[in-house]
Amino acid sequence: DTNPIATPEAYQSASGSVWVRVEANTGNPNDVVCYEVVELELIVNPLPELGVNGVIPPNAYCEDNTDGIHTFILNEHIPQILAAGLNPDDYTVRFYLDQAAYDN
């Protein structure tokens, strides 16, 4: 009960540790309060680097038969999306039709 963090959502953190106290809440004020304190390690991983200097090159194709349609195989562009030297097997890349689809 020393320096409890009353609003944990209000804090930002780098990698490090916090200590967590978990109490058994039986709802009966006559019960002894049992608790355990454990260390919780926080690990902050950097965001992946994208493209070249944070810019993903555009993907443009010539539309040969003038029907206004072209098939884009987006997974073929993952090497250009990830910065040079990043292993695609270490990342998950997802594609969305628009921001609303991403938000959902």
C-alpha atoms as a PDB file:
ATOM      1  CA  ASP A   1       0.000   0.000   0.000  1.00  0.00           C
ATOM      2  CA  THR A   2       2.916   2.380  -0.629  1.00  0.00           C
ATOM      3  CA  ASN A   3       2.725   4.562  -3.748  1.00  0.00           C
ATOM      4  CA  PRO A   4      -0.099   2.681  -5.470  1.00  0.00           C
ATOM      5  CA  ILE A   5      -0.706   3.699  -9.082  1.00  0.00           C
ATOM      6  CA  ALA A   6      -4.307   4.893  -8.948  1.00  0.00           C
ATOM      7  CA  THR A   7      -4.624   5.565 -12.692  1.00  0.00           C
ATOM      8  CA  PRO A   8      -2.344   3.110 -14.537  1.00  0.00           C
ATOM      9  CA  GLU A   9      -3.765   4.184 -17.909  1.00  0.00           C
ATOM     10  CA  ALA A  10      -2.292   7.669 -17.337  1.00  0.00           C
ATOM     11  CA  TYR A  11       1.316   6.460 -17.450  1.00  0.00           C
ATOM     12  CA  GLN A  12       3.689   5.818 -20.301  1.00  0.00           C
ATOM     13  CA  SER A  13       6.645   3.530 -19.801  1.00  0.00           C
ATOM     14  CA  ALA A  14       9.854   2.365 -21.304  1.00  0.00           C
ATOM     15  CA  SER A  15      11.049  -1.172 -20.672  1.00  0.00           C
ATOM     16  CA  GLY A  16      11.336  -1.904 -16.971  1.00  0.00           C
ATOM     17  CA  SER A  17       9.331  -3.456 -14.176  1.00  0.00           C
ATOM     18  CA  VAL A  18       6.321  -2.686 -12.033  1.00  0.00           C
ATOM     19  CA  TRP A  19       5.113  -4.675  -9.058  1.00  0.00           C
ATOM     20  CA  VAL A  20       1.551  -5.954  -9.018  1.00  0.00           C
ATOM     21  CA  ARG A  21      -0.440  -6.709  -5.870  1.00  0.00           C
ATOM     22  CA  VAL A  22      -3.393  -9.032  -6.401  1.00  0.00           C
ATOM     23  CA  GLU A  23      -5.885  -9.367  -3.552  1.00  0.00           C
ATOM     24  CA  ALA A  24      -8.580 -11.951  -3.027  1.00  0.00           C
ATOM     25  CA  ASN A  25     -11.868 -10.069  -2.743  1.00  0.00           C
ATOM     26  CA  THR A  26     -14.436 -12.338  -1.127  1.00  0.00           C
ATOM     27  CA  GLY A  27     -16.917  -9.545  -0.452  1.00  0.00           C
ATOM     28  CA  ASN A  28     -16.981 -10.448   3.224  1.00  0.00           C
ATOM     29  CA  PRO A  29     -15.352  -7.711   5.367  1.00  0.00           C
ATOM     30  CA  ASN A  30     -14.647 -10.293   8.109  1.00  0.00           C
ATOM     31  CA  ASP A  31     -12.378 -12.379   5.838  1.00  0.00           C
ATOM     32  CA  VAL A  32      -8.621 -11.961   6.047  1.00  0.00           C
ATOM     33  CA  VAL A  33      -7.327 -10.176   2.934  1.00  0.00           C
ATOM     34  CA  CYS A  34      -5.018 -12.586   1.123  1.00  0.00           C
ATOM     35  CA  TYR A  35      -2.688 -11.133  -1.474  1.00  0.00           C
ATOM     36  CA  GLU A  36       0.424 -11.770  -3.488  1.00  0.00           C
ATOM     37  CA  VAL A  37       2.909  -9.277  -4.930  1.00  0.00           C
ATOM     38  CA  VAL A  38       4.716 -10.166  -8.159  1.00  0.00           C
ATOM     39  CA  GLU A  39       7.045  -8.360 -10.524  1.00  0.00           C
ATOM     40  CA  LEU A  40       5.665  -7.637 -13.989  1.00  0.00           C
ATOM     41  CA  GLU A  41       8.365  -7.029 -16.595  1.00  0.00           C
ATOM     42  CA  LEU A  42       7.450  -4.444 -19.237  1.00  0.00           C
ATOM     43  CA  ILE A  43       9.080  -4.864 -22.634  1.00  0.00           C
ATOM     44  CA  VAL A  44       8.701  -2.097 -25.211  1.00  0.00           C
ATOM     45  CA  ASN A  45       9.580  -3.178 -28.741  1.00  0.00           C
ATOM     46  CA  PRO A  46      10.296  -0.565 -31.400  1.00  0.00           C
ATOM     47  CA  LEU A  47       7.910  -0.154 -34.311  1.00  0.00           C
ATOM     48  CA  PRO A  48       9.065  -1.860 -37.516  1.00  0.00           C
ATOM     49  CA  GLU A  49      10.766   0.275 -40.124  1.00  0.00           C
ATOM     50  CA  LEU A  50       8.749   0.644 -43.299  1.00  0.00           C
ATOM     51  CA  GLY A  51       9.853   1.204 -46.871  1.00  0.00           C
ATOM     52  CA  VAL A  52      12.772   3.507 -47.517  1.00  0.00           C
ATOM     53  CA  ASN A  53      13.022   6.293 -44.941  1.00  0.00           C
ATOM     54  CA  GLY A  54       9.438   5.544 -43.898  1.00  0.00           C
ATOM     55  CA  VAL A  55       8.052   5.815 -47.439  1.00  0.00           C
ATOM     56  CA  ILE A  56       6.466   2.862 -49.210  1.00  0.00           C
ATOM     57  CA  PRO A  57       6.842   3.199 -52.982  1.00  0.00           C
ATOM     58  CA  PRO A  58       3.609   3.322 -55.001  1.00  0.00           C
ATOM     59  CA  ASN A  59       2.561   0.281 -57.011  1.00  0.00           C
ATOM     60  CA  ALA A  60       1.458   1.224 -60.507  1.00  0.00           C
ATOM     61  CA  TYR A  61       0.685  -1.054 -63.428  1.00  0.00           C
ATOM     62  CA  CYS A  62      -0.253  -0.515 -67.032  1.00  0.00           C
ATOM     63  CA  GLU A  63      -3.774  -1.656 -67.640  1.00  0.00           C
ATOM     64  CA  ASP A  64      -3.457  -3.496 -70.922  1.00  0.00           C
ATOM     65  CA  ASN A  65      -6.996  -4.279 -72.044  1.00  0.00           C
ATOM     66  CA  THR A  66      -8.675  -0.970 -71.047  1.00  0.00           C
ATOM     67  CA  ASP A  67     -11.371  -2.584 -68.902  1.00  0.00           C
ATOM     68  CA  GLY A  68     -10.279  -0.501 -65.908  1.00  0.00           C
ATOM     69  CA  ILE A  69      -9.418  -3.568 -63.826  1.00  0.00           C
ATOM     70  CA  HIS A  70      -6.075  -4.985 -62.689  1.00  0.00           C
ATOM     71  CA  THR A  71      -5.354  -7.725 -60.167  1.00  0.00           C
ATOM     72  CA  PHE A  72      -2.916  -6.656 -57.471  1.00  0.00           C
ATOM     73  CA  ILE A  73      -1.258  -9.466 -55.530  1.00  0.00           C
ATOM     74  CA  LEU A  74      -0.482  -7.424 -52.440  1.00  0.00           C
ATOM     75  CA  ASN A  75       1.658 -10.044 -50.696  1.00  0.00           C
ATOM     76  CA  GLU A  76       4.195  -9.674 -53.519  1.00  0.00           C
ATOM     77  CA  HIS A  77       4.855  -6.127 -52.256  1.00  0.00           C
ATOM     78  CA  ILE A  78       5.783  -7.043 -48.668  1.00  0.00           C
ATOM     79  CA  PRO A  79       9.548  -6.781 -49.392  1.00  0.00           C
ATOM     80  CA  GLN A  80       8.990  -3.150 -50.501  1.00  0.00           C
ATOM     81  CA  ILE A  81       6.729  -2.429 -47.510  1.00  0.00           C
ATOM     82  CA  LEU A  82       9.272  -3.630 -44.950  1.00  0.00           C
ATOM     83  CA  ALA A  83      12.585  -1.792 -44.725  1.00  0.00           C
ATOM     84  CA  ALA A  84      15.554  -3.429 -46.420  1.00  0.00           C
ATOM     85  CA  GLY A  85      17.044  -6.245 -44.412  1.00  0.00           C
ATOM     86  CA  LEU A  86      13.919  -7.050 -42.374  1.00  0.00           C
ATOM     87  CA  ASN A  87      12.874 -10.679 -42.535  1.00  0.00           C
ATOM     88  CA  PRO A  88       9.201 -10.900 -43.670  1.00  0.00           C
ATOM     89  CA  ASP A  89       8.829 -14.076 -41.597  1.00  0.00           C
ATOM     90  CA  ASP A  90       9.305 -11.979 -38.447  1.00  0.00           C
ATOM     91  CA  TYR A  91       6.340  -9.667 -39.219  1.00  0.00           C
ATOM     92  CA  THR A  92       2.627  -9.827 -39.891  1.00  0.00           C
ATOM     93  CA  VAL A  93       1.498  -7.489 -42.682  1.00  0.00           C
ATOM     94  CA  ARG A  94      -2.247  -6.993 -43.177  1.00  0.00           C
ATOM     95  CA  PHE A  95      -4.053  -5.071 -45.905  1.00  0.00           C
ATOM     96  CA  TYR A  96      -7.362  -3.187 -45.520  1.00  0.00           C
ATOM     97  CA  LEU A  97      -9.631  -1.574 -48.083  1.00  0.00           C
ATOM     98  CA  ASP A  98      -9.877   1.646 -46.041  1.00  0.00           C
ATOM     99  CA  GLN A  99      -9.346   3.202 -42.603  1.00  0.00           C
ATOM    100  CA  ALA A 100     -12.830   2.163 -41.437  1.00  0.00           C
ATOM    101  CA  ALA A 101     -12.090  -1.497 -42.209  1.00  0.00           C
ATOM    102  CA  TYR A 102      -8.821  -1.192 -40.273  1.00  0.00           C
ATOM    103  CA  ASP A 103     -10.595   0.443 -37.311  1.00  0.00           C
ATOM    104  CA  ASN A 104     -13.067  -2.461 -37.163  1.00  0.00           C
END
